[in-house]
Amino acid sequence: MNKEDRPHLQHDRPHASRTATQKTERHSTCSPEHTMFLNHTESISTYAASASNKHSIRKYRFGYAIAIIVTIGLGLASRRYAEMLPPLFAAHAGDMLWAMMVYWGVRLLLYRRYWIAAIAALLFCYGIECSQLYQADWIRQLRDTTIGGLVLGHGFLVVDLVRYTVGVGLAVIIDRLARYSVKQ
């Protein structure tokens, strides 16, 4: 039996995109055995699409986790070896890399919406910077620890807001370029 003899099996688009009405109309011309077979193949193709989507999600999340680790390493190196770097880069790189790391962390959670991740990362960075205006004893003691100083910073600077914006902007550009190259 060739394809023309089986009009109920000809498909112009994937099963997952068919509406319930389209499936019912197509299945009404089939025998019960064919209907059961078609329902089974539709559920398999839907499952395969969701499994493929989960694989790509894991792939992107793994990439964001690697980006976080690399960015942390670069940020720590920019602080430790600041005297070996060009002065302009040494002065601004740490804060820009911190903001990039925050963006990668948000992207790890929100892998589909880069613009929401960018806004969330900026709000987080700006919030941390504005929290530096608060100078209670307990938070100053927390900021005096290595981790507390790296995460919370020490003093409010308006230029840090610019650095965070540039860092998140660079992360978005890198993210979009990386995703574009993966899709091709």
N, C-alpha and C. Protein backbone atom coordinates (compact mmCIF):
# COMPACT_ATOMS: atom_id res chain seq x y z
N MET A 1 0.84 -1.17 0.00
CA MET A 1 0.00 0.00 0.00
C MET A 1 0.90 1.25 0.00
N ASN A 2 0.70 2.14 -0.95
CA ASN A 2 1.52 3.35 -1.00
C ASN A 2 0.87 4.47 -0.21
N LYS A 3 1.55 5.61 -0.14
CA LYS A 3 1.10 6.73 0.69
C LYS A 3 -0.24 7.30 0.24
N GLU A 4 -0.49 7.34 -1.04
CA GLU A 4 -1.74 7.90 -1.55
C GLU A 4 -2.93 7.06 -1.13
N ASP A 5 -2.74 5.76 -0.91
CA ASP A 5 -3.82 4.88 -0.50
C ASP A 5 -4.13 5.01 1.00
N ARG A 6 -3.28 5.71 1.74
CA ARG A 6 -3.46 5.87 3.18
C ARG A 6 -3.59 7.35 3.53
N PRO A 7 -4.66 8.02 3.15
CA PRO A 7 -4.76 9.45 3.41
C PRO A 7 -4.76 9.80 4.90
N HIS A 8 -5.22 8.88 5.73
CA HIS A 8 -5.26 9.18 7.16
C HIS A 8 -3.87 9.17 7.80
N LEU A 9 -2.85 8.67 7.10
CA LEU A 9 -1.50 8.65 7.65
C LEU A 9 -0.61 9.76 7.09
N GLN A 10 -1.13 10.54 6.16
CA GLN A 10 -0.34 11.63 5.61
C GLN A 10 -0.37 12.80 6.60
N HIS A 11 0.81 13.33 6.90
CA HIS A 11 0.90 14.41 7.87
C HIS A 11 1.74 15.54 7.29
N ASP A 12 1.25 16.76 7.48
CA ASP A 12 2.00 17.90 6.99
C ASP A 12 2.72 18.64 8.11
N ARG A 13 2.53 18.22 9.35
CA ARG A 13 3.24 18.81 10.48
C ARG A 13 3.31 17.79 11.62
N PRO A 14 4.12 18.05 12.63
CA PRO A 14 4.30 17.08 13.72
C PRO A 14 3.01 16.83 14.50
N HIS A 15 2.94 15.62 15.09
CA HIS A 15 1.75 15.24 15.86
C HIS A 15 1.53 16.14 17.05
N ALA A 16 2.58 16.58 17.70
CA ALA A 16 2.46 17.35 18.93
C ALA A 16 1.74 18.68 18.70
N SER A 17 1.76 19.18 17.46
CA SER A 17 1.13 20.47 17.21
C SER A 17 -0.33 20.35 16.78
N ARG A 18 -0.84 19.15 16.66
CA ARG A 18 -2.23 18.98 16.25
C ARG A 18 -3.17 19.25 17.41
N THR A 19 -4.32 19.83 17.12
CA THR A 19 -5.32 20.07 18.15
C THR A 19 -6.13 18.80 18.35
N ALA A 20 -6.90 18.77 19.41
CA ALA A 20 -7.74 17.59 19.70
C ALA A 20 -8.76 17.38 18.59
N THR A 21 -9.30 18.47 18.02
CA THR A 21 -10.27 18.35 16.93
C THR A 21 -9.63 17.74 15.70
N GLN A 22 -8.43 18.18 15.36
CA GLN A 22 -7.74 17.62 14.19
C GLN A 22 -7.46 16.14 14.40
N LYS A 23 -7.07 15.76 15.62
CA LYS A 23 -6.79 14.35 15.89
C LYS A 23 -8.07 13.53 15.78
N THR A 24 -9.18 14.05 16.31
CA THR A 24 -10.45 13.34 16.25
C THR A 24 -10.91 13.19 14.81
N GLU A 25 -10.80 14.26 14.00
CA GLU A 25 -11.21 14.17 12.60
C GLU A 25 -10.38 13.14 11.86
N ARG A 26 -9.09 13.12 12.09
CA ARG A 26 -8.22 12.19 11.41
C ARG A 26 -8.51 10.76 11.87
N HIS A 27 -8.76 10.60 13.16
CA HIS A 27 -8.97 9.27 13.70
C HIS A 27 -10.35 8.71 13.36
N SER A 28 -11.31 9.56 13.03
CA SER A 28 -12.66 9.08 12.72
C SER A 28 -12.69 8.28 11.42
N THR A 29 -11.73 8.49 10.53
CA THR A 29 -11.70 7.74 9.27
C THR A 29 -10.90 6.46 9.40
N CYS A 30 -10.31 6.22 10.58
CA CYS A 30 -9.44 5.05 10.77
C CYS A 30 -10.20 3.92 11.45
N SER A 31 -9.65 2.74 11.27
CA SER A 31 -10.16 1.60 12.02
C SER A 31 -9.68 1.73 13.47
N PRO A 32 -10.29 1.04 14.39
CA PRO A 32 -9.87 1.14 15.80
C PRO A 32 -8.40 0.78 16.01
N GLU A 33 -7.90 -0.20 15.23
CA GLU A 33 -6.50 -0.60 15.36
C GLU A 33 -5.57 0.54 14.93
N HIS A 34 -5.93 1.19 13.80
CA HIS A 34 -5.11 2.32 13.33
C HIS A 34 -5.19 3.49 14.31
N THR A 35 -6.36 3.75 14.88
CA THR A 35 -6.51 4.84 15.84
C THR A 35 -5.63 4.60 17.05
N MET A 36 -5.63 3.36 17.55
CA MET A 36 -4.79 3.03 18.70
C MET A 36 -3.31 3.21 18.34
N PHE A 37 -2.92 2.78 17.14
CA PHE A 37 -1.53 2.92 16.69
C PHE A 37 -1.16 4.40 16.58
N LEU A 38 -2.06 5.22 15.99
CA LEU A 38 -1.77 6.64 15.84
C LEU A 38 -1.66 7.33 17.19
N ASN A 39 -2.55 6.99 18.13
CA ASN A 39 -2.46 7.58 19.46
C ASN A 39 -1.14 7.22 20.12
N HIS A 40 -0.71 5.98 19.97
CA HIS A 40 0.55 5.52 20.55
C HIS A 40 1.73 6.27 19.94
N THR A 41 1.77 6.41 18.61
CA THR A 41 2.89 7.10 17.96
C THR A 41 2.89 8.58 18.33
N GLU A 42 1.71 9.18 18.49
CA GLU A 42 1.66 10.59 18.90
C GLU A 42 2.22 10.76 20.29
N SER A 43 1.90 9.85 21.21
CA SER A 43 2.43 9.98 22.57
C SER A 43 3.93 9.73 22.59
N ILE A 44 4.43 8.84 21.74
CA ILE A 44 5.87 8.60 21.65
C ILE A 44 6.58 9.84 21.12
N SER A 45 6.03 10.45 20.07
CA SER A 45 6.69 11.64 19.52
C SER A 45 6.65 12.80 20.49
N THR A 46 5.57 12.93 21.25
CA THR A 46 5.49 13.99 22.26
C THR A 46 6.51 13.73 23.36
N TYR A 47 6.64 12.48 23.79
CA TYR A 47 7.61 12.12 24.81
C TYR A 47 9.04 12.37 24.30
N ALA A 48 9.30 12.01 23.06
CA ALA A 48 10.63 12.22 22.49
C ALA A 48 10.96 13.70 22.42
N ALA A 49 9.98 14.52 22.06
CA ALA A 49 10.22 15.96 22.01
C ALA A 49 10.53 16.50 23.40
N SER A 50 9.80 16.03 24.42
CA SER A 50 10.07 16.54 25.76
C SER A 50 11.40 16.02 26.27
N ALA A 51 11.79 14.79 25.94
CA ALA A 51 13.09 14.27 26.35
C ALA A 51 14.21 15.04 25.67
N SER A 52 14.02 15.37 24.40
CA SER A 52 15.02 16.16 23.68
C SER A 52 15.14 17.53 24.29
N ASN A 53 14.01 18.13 24.68
CA ASN A 53 14.01 19.45 25.31
C ASN A 53 14.75 19.39 26.66
N LYS A 54 14.52 18.32 27.44
CA LYS A 54 15.21 18.18 28.73
C LYS A 54 16.71 18.04 28.52
N HIS A 55 17.12 17.33 27.46
CA HIS A 55 18.54 17.19 27.16
C HIS A 55 19.16 18.54 26.83
N SER A 56 18.47 19.34 26.02
CA SER A 56 19.02 20.65 25.66
C SER A 56 19.04 21.57 26.87
N ILE A 57 18.06 21.46 27.76
CA ILE A 57 18.06 22.26 28.99
C ILE A 57 19.27 21.91 29.83
N ARG A 58 19.54 20.61 30.00
CA ARG A 58 20.70 20.18 30.77
C ARG A 58 21.99 20.69 30.13
N LYS A 59 22.04 20.65 28.80
CA LYS A 59 23.23 21.11 28.09
C LYS A 59 23.47 22.59 28.36
N TYR A 60 22.42 23.40 28.27
CA TYR A 60 22.57 24.84 28.53
C TYR A 60 22.92 25.09 29.99
N ARG A 61 22.28 24.40 30.90
CA ARG A 61 22.57 24.60 32.32
C ARG A 61 24.01 24.20 32.64
N PHE A 62 24.49 23.15 32.04
CA PHE A 62 25.88 22.76 32.24
C PHE A 62 26.80 23.87 31.73
N GLY A 63 26.47 24.45 30.59
CA GLY A 63 27.26 25.55 30.06
C GLY A 63 27.27 26.76 30.99
N TYR A 64 26.11 27.06 31.59
CA TYR A 64 26.05 28.19 32.52
C TYR A 64 26.84 27.89 33.79
N ALA A 65 26.82 26.64 34.24
CA ALA A 65 27.61 26.27 35.43
C ALA A 65 29.11 26.44 35.13
N ILE A 66 29.53 26.03 33.95
CA ILE A 66 30.94 26.21 33.56
C ILE A 66 31.26 27.71 33.48
N ALA A 67 30.35 28.49 32.91
CA ALA A 67 30.58 29.94 32.81
C ALA A 67 30.72 30.56 34.20
N ILE A 68 29.95 30.10 35.17
CA ILE A 68 30.06 30.62 36.54
C ILE A 68 31.45 30.32 37.09
N ILE A 69 31.89 29.08 36.94
CA ILE A 69 33.19 28.67 37.48
C ILE A 69 34.32 29.47 36.83
N VAL A 70 34.27 29.60 35.51
CA VAL A 70 35.31 30.35 34.79
C VAL A 70 35.30 31.82 35.21
N THR A 71 34.11 32.38 35.33
CA THR A 71 34.00 33.80 35.70
C THR A 71 34.49 34.04 37.12
N ILE A 72 34.20 33.12 38.04
CA ILE A 72 34.72 33.25 39.40
C ILE A 72 36.24 33.22 39.38
N GLY A 73 36.80 32.28 38.62
CA GLY A 73 38.26 32.20 38.51
C GLY A 73 38.87 33.47 37.95
N LEU A 74 38.25 34.00 36.90
CA LEU A 74 38.75 35.25 36.31
C LEU A 74 38.61 36.42 37.27
N GLY A 75 37.51 36.47 38.01
CA GLY A 75 37.29 37.55 38.97
C GLY A 75 38.30 37.52 40.10
N LEU A 76 38.55 36.32 40.65
CA LEU A 76 39.55 36.21 41.71
C LEU A 76 40.94 36.55 41.18
N ALA A 77 41.23 36.11 39.97
CA ALA A 77 42.54 36.43 39.37
C ALA A 77 42.69 37.92 39.12
N SER A 78 41.58 38.59 38.74
CA SER A 78 41.66 40.03 38.50
C SER A 78 41.95 40.80 39.78
N ARG A 79 41.57 40.26 40.91
CA ARG A 79 41.86 40.91 42.20
C ARG A 79 43.29 40.58 42.66
N ARG A 80 43.65 39.33 42.50
CA ARG A 80 44.97 38.88 42.99
C ARG A 80 46.12 39.44 42.17
N TYR A 81 45.94 39.48 40.87
CA TYR A 81 47.02 39.91 39.97
C TYR A 81 46.72 41.28 39.35
N ALA A 82 46.06 42.14 40.10
CA ALA A 82 45.66 43.46 39.58
C ALA A 82 46.85 44.28 39.12
N GLU A 83 48.00 44.15 39.80
CA GLU A 83 49.17 44.94 39.42
C GLU A 83 49.76 44.52 38.08
N MET A 84 49.44 43.33 37.62
CA MET A 84 49.94 42.84 36.34
C MET A 84 49.03 43.22 35.17
N LEU A 85 47.84 43.71 35.48
CA LEU A 85 46.86 44.04 34.45
C LEU A 85 46.94 45.52 34.09
N PRO A 86 46.45 45.88 32.91
CA PRO A 86 46.36 47.32 32.59
C PRO A 86 45.50 48.02 33.64
N PRO A 87 45.87 49.24 34.04
CA PRO A 87 45.17 49.92 35.13
C PRO A 87 43.65 50.04 34.92
N LEU A 88 43.22 50.37 33.73
CA LEU A 88 41.79 50.52 33.47
C LEU A 88 41.07 49.19 33.67
N PHE A 89 41.66 48.13 33.16
CA PHE A 89 41.06 46.80 33.30
C PHE A 89 41.07 46.36 34.76
N ALA A 90 42.16 46.57 35.46
CA ALA A 90 42.27 46.16 36.85
C ALA A 90 41.25 46.89 37.72
N ALA A 91 40.98 48.14 37.40
CA ALA A 91 40.06 48.94 38.22
C ALA A 91 38.60 48.51 38.05
N HIS A 92 38.24 48.00 36.89
CA HIS A 92 36.82 47.74 36.60
C HIS A 92 36.47 46.26 36.42
N ALA A 93 37.46 45.41 36.17
CA ALA A 93 37.17 44.02 35.80
C ALA A 93 36.47 43.24 36.90
N GLY A 94 36.87 43.41 38.14
CA GLY A 94 36.29 42.62 39.22
C GLY A 94 34.79 42.79 39.33
N ASP A 95 34.32 44.03 39.33
CA ASP A 95 32.88 44.28 39.45
C ASP A 95 32.12 43.81 38.21
N MET A 96 32.72 44.00 37.04
CA MET A 96 32.06 43.54 35.81
C MET A 96 31.96 42.01 35.80
N LEU A 97 33.02 41.34 36.21
CA LEU A 97 32.99 39.88 36.25
C LEU A 97 32.02 39.37 37.31
N TRP A 98 31.91 40.08 38.43
CA TRP A 98 30.94 39.69 39.46
C TRP A 98 29.53 39.77 38.90
N ALA A 99 29.23 40.84 38.18
CA ALA A 99 27.90 40.99 37.59
C ALA A 99 27.66 39.91 36.53
N MET A 100 28.70 39.58 35.76
CA MET A 100 28.56 38.51 34.76
C MET A 100 28.24 37.18 35.46
N MET A 101 28.93 36.90 36.57
CA MET A 101 28.69 35.68 37.31
C MET A 101 27.26 35.63 37.84
N VAL A 102 26.75 36.76 38.30
CA VAL A 102 25.36 36.80 38.76
C VAL A 102 24.42 36.49 37.59
N TYR A 103 24.70 37.06 36.42
CA TYR A 103 23.87 36.78 35.24
C TYR A 103 23.90 35.29 34.92
N TRP A 104 25.09 34.67 34.92
CA TRP A 104 25.17 33.23 34.61
C TRP A 104 24.36 32.43 35.63
N GLY A 105 24.42 32.85 36.90
CA GLY A 105 23.66 32.15 37.93
C GLY A 105 22.16 32.25 37.71
N VAL A 106 21.71 33.43 37.34
CA VAL A 106 20.28 33.59 37.06
C VAL A 106 19.91 32.79 35.82
N ARG A 107 20.77 32.78 34.81
CA ARG A 107 20.50 32.01 33.59
C ARG A 107 20.45 30.52 33.87
N LEU A 108 21.21 30.08 34.85
CA LEU A 108 21.17 28.68 35.24
C LEU A 108 19.75 28.30 35.67
N LEU A 109 19.06 29.23 36.29
CA LEU A 109 17.69 29.00 36.74
C LEU A 109 16.65 29.35 35.68
N LEU A 110 16.88 30.43 34.94
CA LEU A 110 15.94 30.91 33.92
C LEU A 110 16.58 30.79 32.55
N TYR A 111 16.69 29.58 32.05
CA TYR A 111 17.46 29.31 30.83
C TYR A 111 16.77 29.79 29.56
N ARG A 112 15.48 30.06 29.57
CA ARG A 112 14.78 30.43 28.33
C ARG A 112 14.68 31.93 28.10
N ARG A 113 14.66 32.71 29.12
CA ARG A 113 14.41 34.14 29.00
C ARG A 113 15.63 34.94 29.39
N TYR A 114 16.46 35.27 28.41
CA TYR A 114 17.70 35.99 28.72
C TYR A 114 17.43 37.40 29.20
N TRP A 115 16.40 38.04 28.70
CA TRP A 115 16.13 39.42 29.10
C TRP A 115 15.62 39.49 30.53
N ILE A 116 14.86 38.49 30.96
CA ILE A 116 14.43 38.44 32.36
C ILE A 116 15.63 38.19 33.26
N ALA A 117 16.52 37.29 32.81
CA ALA A 117 17.74 37.02 33.58
C ALA A 117 18.59 38.27 33.68
N ALA A 118 18.68 39.06 32.61
CA ALA A 118 19.48 40.28 32.64
C ALA A 118 18.89 41.29 33.63
N ILE A 119 17.58 41.45 33.60
CA ILE A 119 16.93 42.39 34.53
C ILE A 119 17.10 41.90 35.97
N ALA A 120 16.90 40.61 36.20
CA ALA A 120 17.04 40.06 37.55
C ALA A 120 18.48 40.21 38.06
N ALA A 121 19.45 39.95 37.19
CA ALA A 121 20.86 40.10 37.59
C ALA A 121 21.18 41.54 37.93
N LEU A 122 20.70 42.47 37.11
CA LEU A 122 20.94 43.89 37.39
C LEU A 122 20.28 44.32 38.70
N LEU A 123 19.05 43.90 38.92
CA LEU A 123 18.37 44.26 40.17
C LEU A 123 19.10 43.68 41.38
N PHE A 124 19.59 42.46 41.25
CA PHE A 124 20.35 41.85 42.34
C PHE A 124 21.63 42.64 42.60
N CYS A 125 22.37 42.94 41.54
CA CYS A 125 23.62 43.70 41.69
C CYS A 125 23.37 45.08 42.28
N TYR A 126 22.37 45.76 41.76
CA TYR A 126 22.04 47.09 42.27
C TYR A 126 21.60 47.01 43.74
N GLY A 127 20.85 45.97 44.08
CA GLY A 127 20.41 45.78 45.46
C GLY A 127 21.58 45.58 46.40
N ILE A 128 22.54 44.76 45.99
CA ILE A 128 23.73 44.54 46.81
C ILE A 128 24.50 45.84 46.96
N GLU A 129 24.63 46.60 45.88
CA GLU A 129 25.36 47.87 45.96
C GLU A 129 24.64 48.85 46.88
N CYS A 130 23.35 48.94 46.78
CA CYS A 130 22.60 49.85 47.65
C CYS A 130 22.62 49.39 49.10
N SER A 131 22.75 48.08 49.32
CA SER A 131 22.83 47.57 50.70
C SER A 131 24.11 48.04 51.38
N GLN A 132 25.08 48.47 50.59
CA GLN A 132 26.33 48.96 51.17
C GLN A 132 26.15 50.31 51.86
N LEU A 133 25.02 50.94 51.66
CA LEU A 133 24.71 52.17 52.38
C LEU A 133 24.34 51.86 53.84
N TYR A 134 23.92 50.63 54.08
CA TYR A 134 23.55 50.19 55.42
C TYR A 134 24.83 49.76 56.14
N GLN A 135 25.11 50.35 57.30
CA GLN A 135 26.39 50.12 57.97
C GLN A 135 26.23 49.67 59.43
N ALA A 136 25.33 48.77 59.70
CA ALA A 136 25.19 48.22 61.06
C ALA A 136 26.43 47.38 61.40
N ASP A 137 26.68 47.19 62.68
CA ASP A 137 27.87 46.44 63.11
C ASP A 137 27.89 45.02 62.58
N TRP A 138 26.73 44.34 62.63
CA TRP A 138 26.70 42.95 62.22
C TRP A 138 27.02 42.79 60.74
N ILE A 139 26.55 43.69 59.89
CA ILE A 139 26.82 43.55 58.46
C ILE A 139 28.25 43.99 58.14
N ARG A 140 28.81 44.92 58.90
CA ARG A 140 30.22 45.29 58.70
C ARG A 140 31.12 44.12 59.07
N GLN A 141 30.77 43.40 60.15
CA GLN A 141 31.55 42.21 60.52
C GLN A 141 31.45 41.14 59.44
N LEU A 142 30.27 41.00 58.86
CA LEU A 142 30.10 40.05 57.77
C LEU A 142 30.91 40.46 56.54
N ARG A 143 30.93 41.75 56.24
CA ARG A 143 31.70 42.25 55.10
C ARG A 143 33.20 42.13 55.32
N ASP A 144 33.63 42.05 56.56
CA ASP A 144 35.07 41.91 56.85
C ASP A 144 35.58 40.51 56.59
N THR A 145 34.70 39.54 56.41
CA THR A 145 35.14 38.19 56.04
C THR A 145 35.43 38.18 54.54
N THR A 146 36.22 37.21 54.11
CA THR A 146 36.59 37.13 52.69
C THR A 146 35.35 36.96 51.81
N ILE A 147 34.53 35.98 52.13
CA ILE A 147 33.33 35.73 51.32
C ILE A 147 32.38 36.92 51.41
N GLY A 148 32.16 37.44 52.62
CA GLY A 148 31.27 38.58 52.79
C GLY A 148 31.72 39.79 52.00
N GLY A 149 33.04 40.02 51.98
CA GLY A 149 33.57 41.15 51.21
C GLY A 149 33.40 40.95 49.72
N LEU A 150 33.58 39.69 49.25
CA LEU A 150 33.43 39.42 47.82
C LEU A 150 31.98 39.53 47.37
N VAL A 151 31.06 39.06 48.20
CA VAL A 151 29.65 39.06 47.82
C VAL A 151 28.99 40.41 48.08
N LEU A 152 29.21 40.97 49.26
CA LEU A 152 28.49 42.18 49.67
C LEU A 152 29.24 43.48 49.39
N GLY A 153 30.54 43.40 49.17
CA GLY A 153 31.32 44.62 48.94
C GLY A 153 31.49 45.41 50.22
N HIS A 154 32.10 46.60 50.09
CA HIS A 154 32.41 47.38 51.29
C HIS A 154 31.81 48.77 51.30
N GLY A 155 31.73 49.44 50.20
CA GLY A 155 31.22 50.80 50.20
C GLY A 155 30.47 51.11 48.91
N PHE A 156 29.45 51.94 49.04
CA PHE A 156 28.63 52.29 47.88
C PHE A 156 29.41 53.21 46.94
N LEU A 157 29.45 52.84 45.67
CA LEU A 157 30.04 53.68 44.62
C LEU A 157 29.09 53.69 43.42
N VAL A 158 28.78 54.86 42.92
CA VAL A 158 27.89 54.97 41.77
C VAL A 158 28.54 54.30 40.55
N VAL A 159 29.86 54.40 40.43
CA VAL A 159 30.54 53.80 39.28
C VAL A 159 30.35 52.28 39.26
N ASP A 160 30.13 51.66 40.42
CA ASP A 160 29.87 50.22 40.44
C ASP A 160 28.58 49.87 39.70
N LEU A 161 27.59 50.75 39.76
CA LEU A 161 26.34 50.51 39.02
C LEU A 161 26.61 50.46 37.52
N VAL A 162 27.50 51.31 37.05
CA VAL A 162 27.88 51.31 35.64
C VAL A 162 28.64 50.03 35.31
N ARG A 163 29.56 49.64 36.19
CA ARG A 163 30.33 48.40 35.98
C ARG A 163 29.41 47.19 35.91
N TYR A 164 28.42 47.14 36.79
CA TYR A 164 27.48 46.02 36.78
C TYR A 164 26.67 46.00 35.48
N THR A 165 26.27 47.16 35.03
CA THR A 165 25.50 47.24 33.79
C THR A 165 26.32 46.76 32.62
N VAL A 166 27.58 47.19 32.55
CA VAL A 166 28.46 46.75 31.47
C VAL A 166 28.72 45.24 31.58
N GLY A 167 28.93 44.74 32.78
CA GLY A 167 29.18 43.31 32.97
C GLY A 167 28.01 42.46 32.53
N VAL A 168 26.81 42.84 32.94
CA VAL A 168 25.62 42.08 32.52
C VAL A 168 25.42 42.22 31.02
N GLY A 169 25.65 43.41 30.47
CA GLY A 169 25.54 43.59 29.02
C GLY A 169 26.49 42.69 28.26
N LEU A 170 27.75 42.60 28.72
CA LEU A 170 28.72 41.70 28.08
C LEU A 170 28.29 40.25 28.20
N ALA A 171 27.77 39.88 29.36
CA ALA A 171 27.31 38.50 29.55
C ALA A 171 26.16 38.17 28.61
N VAL A 172 25.24 39.10 28.42
CA VAL A 172 24.12 38.88 27.50
C VAL A 172 24.65 38.70 26.07
N ILE A 173 25.59 39.54 25.68
CA ILE A 173 26.16 39.42 24.32
C ILE A 173 26.85 38.08 24.15
N ILE A 174 27.66 37.68 25.13
CA ILE A 174 28.34 36.38 25.05
C ILE A 174 27.32 35.25 25.02
N ASP A 175 26.30 35.35 25.85
CA ASP A 175 25.25 34.34 25.90
C ASP A 175 24.53 34.21 24.57
N ARG A 176 24.14 35.31 23.98
CA ARG A 176 23.42 35.28 22.71
C ARG A 176 24.31 34.75 21.59
N LEU A 177 25.57 35.17 21.56
CA LEU A 177 26.50 34.67 20.54
C LEU A 177 26.73 33.17 20.71
N ALA A 178 26.88 32.71 21.94
CA ALA A 178 27.09 31.29 22.19
C ALA A 178 25.87 30.47 21.78
N ARG A 179 24.69 30.94 22.12
CA ARG A 179 23.47 30.22 21.73
C ARG A 179 23.28 30.22 20.23
N TYR A 180 23.59 31.35 19.59
CA TYR A 180 23.47 31.41 18.14
C TYR A 180 24.43 30.43 17.47
N SER A 181 25.65 30.34 17.97
CA SER A 181 26.62 29.42 17.35
C SER A 181 26.25 27.97 17.61
N VAL A 182 25.61 27.67 18.74
CA VAL A 182 25.18 26.29 19.03
C VAL A 182 24.04 25.89 18.12
N LYS A 183 23.13 26.83 17.81
CA LYS A 183 21.98 26.50 16.97
C LYS A 183 22.37 26.26 15.52
N GLN A 184 23.52 26.78 15.09
CA GLN A 184 23.88 26.59 13.67
C GLN A 184 24.61 25.33 13.44
